[in-house]
Amino acid sequence: MSRSQKIVRNLVIFLGLCLLFITQTALYLTPLSAHEHSERSLLYGPSEVVHVEDFDEGKYILAKYDRWYSCNSVERTLGLFWRSGGGSIGTENDKTKAVAFSWSASYEHCVAYGIINDDRVKRIELTLSNGQVLTQTKFYDRMFLILWTDKNNNNYFEKLIGYDASDKVIFESELP
């Protein structure tokens, strides 16, 4: 076997092993492919991706599927690959509420997300347990995503309020 044939053979073996490694460890080359695989593995979706937001360890993917809304995290790993971080299964949208929402925390990363069912809601305010207020007025296809970090594990979600254009309270909810 010539030198060039050995190089080609070794390259094919190496690429085959890389492909086997990637498929068996649930690693993907793009954040959206990690998200899609995560949904498929749970027999959920495929959802419509509404918004993608960066955070220091990956991305949050805000999505809708049928009657559900979700916020899936995908994390960068090994510098080049992506894997699902959790949250693929959605929460059913309770259309009787002006704002349907959920929240989660993983290590120091916290996220509140939801869908606005009442068109009068123009601003969402999230109050944290330390009194800090986070506000969002930019929505993504009637959905919102509010991120915060909690390095001390003591600054959680306390209250969510939806206001109309004249600052009248349309929706208010304590910790779900």
Foldseek 3Di string as FASTA:
>chain_A
DDPVVVVVVVVVVVVVVVVVVCVVVLWAQDQVVQLQVVQVVVVHDPWAFQDWADDPFFIWTWTDDDQWTWIWTWGDDPNGIIHTPDTNDTDGDPLVAQWDKDKDDDQFKIKIKTFGNHPQFQKKWWAWPVGDIDIDRDAGNRMDMDIDTDNPPRIGTAKMFTAGPVRDTPDIDGHD
